[in-house]
Amino acid sequence: MTPARQRPTQVVAHRGASEDAPEHTLAAYRKAIADGADALECDVRLTADGHLVCVHDRRVNRTSNGRGAVSALELSALSALDFGSWKTRHPLGGRVEEPDWVHRPEDREATSVLTLERLLELVVDADRRVELAIETKHPTRWAGQVEERLLLLLKRFGLDAPGAAEESPVRVMSFSARSLHRVRAASPTLPTVYLQQFVSPRLRDGRLPEGVDIAGPSIRIVRSHPAHIERLQQSGHQVHVWTVNDPEDVDACVSLGVNAIITNRPRAVLDRLGR
């Protein structure tokens, strides 16, 4: 990885280039890198046998041909599932044309369940700096084991203890302040992002949970409460907004000076930014 550099607005591929390819698959992340995304975003859950996998929902029903909770399934069972073919199915049973991605059953790795370890390998091996925003999903039966396993895996890649937060190519995000506290306690220099679906009354003044420097408000907050974004910035916090897909929302984020735009359409957002 090359040294950190300053960027006006970072473009982060939400679950990969997930508008064009199946979310959280190697195909989606490869496309995001090819599209020029500055960073990749993923959700992580712990399997029954202790592996971190990139799956958003508590259950695999929506994004695979299987059923069941991720936390109750072992990696071998998840690896037998197809996480790609759903992308080419219309909700009513028909087929839709995918302009930039074609499901190839023979390419099992591209649409198999993606482990965080494999995604980290992809990032580390990229021919340019590609950052990674990792969201821990809670609540879960594994509680603090998620953060424990995450930090152990980051340590294997030499990414758990950056010299300074601004140098780190990895950051940890969560809606759970407790999750971020665990990360901060174990690795004080690893950047953390507190995700916000709505503006909490106790945080309306622009504060974040203790030790967290980056705010992760939803685009709904940007639309409805732009003054809150300004309060966050006045309090010295970076602002990373999710999930920004419409051109008008991209423009609103830029006008407010947000630091990162998290989007399903990294190439379209880059085009909008003139990059």
Foldseek 3Di string as FASTA:
>chain_A
DDWDDDDQAAEEAEQALCVQFQGVFQLRNVVNVVLPHQAYEFEWDAACVGFIWGDDDQWCVQQWVDTDGRNDHDLVVQQVIFRGPSSQADPVGHGDDRPPDDDDVVPSRRGGTGTVLVVVVVQVPDPDHYAYEYEYDDDDPCPQSVLVSVLVSCVVVVQLEDPAQSRGSYAYEYCDPVNVVSSCVVHVRHAYEHEDADQDPVCQQQDDPPSHAEYEYELVCLVPPVVSLVSVVVVPHAYAYPEDDDLVSLVSCSVSSHHYHHYSRSNVSCVSVVD
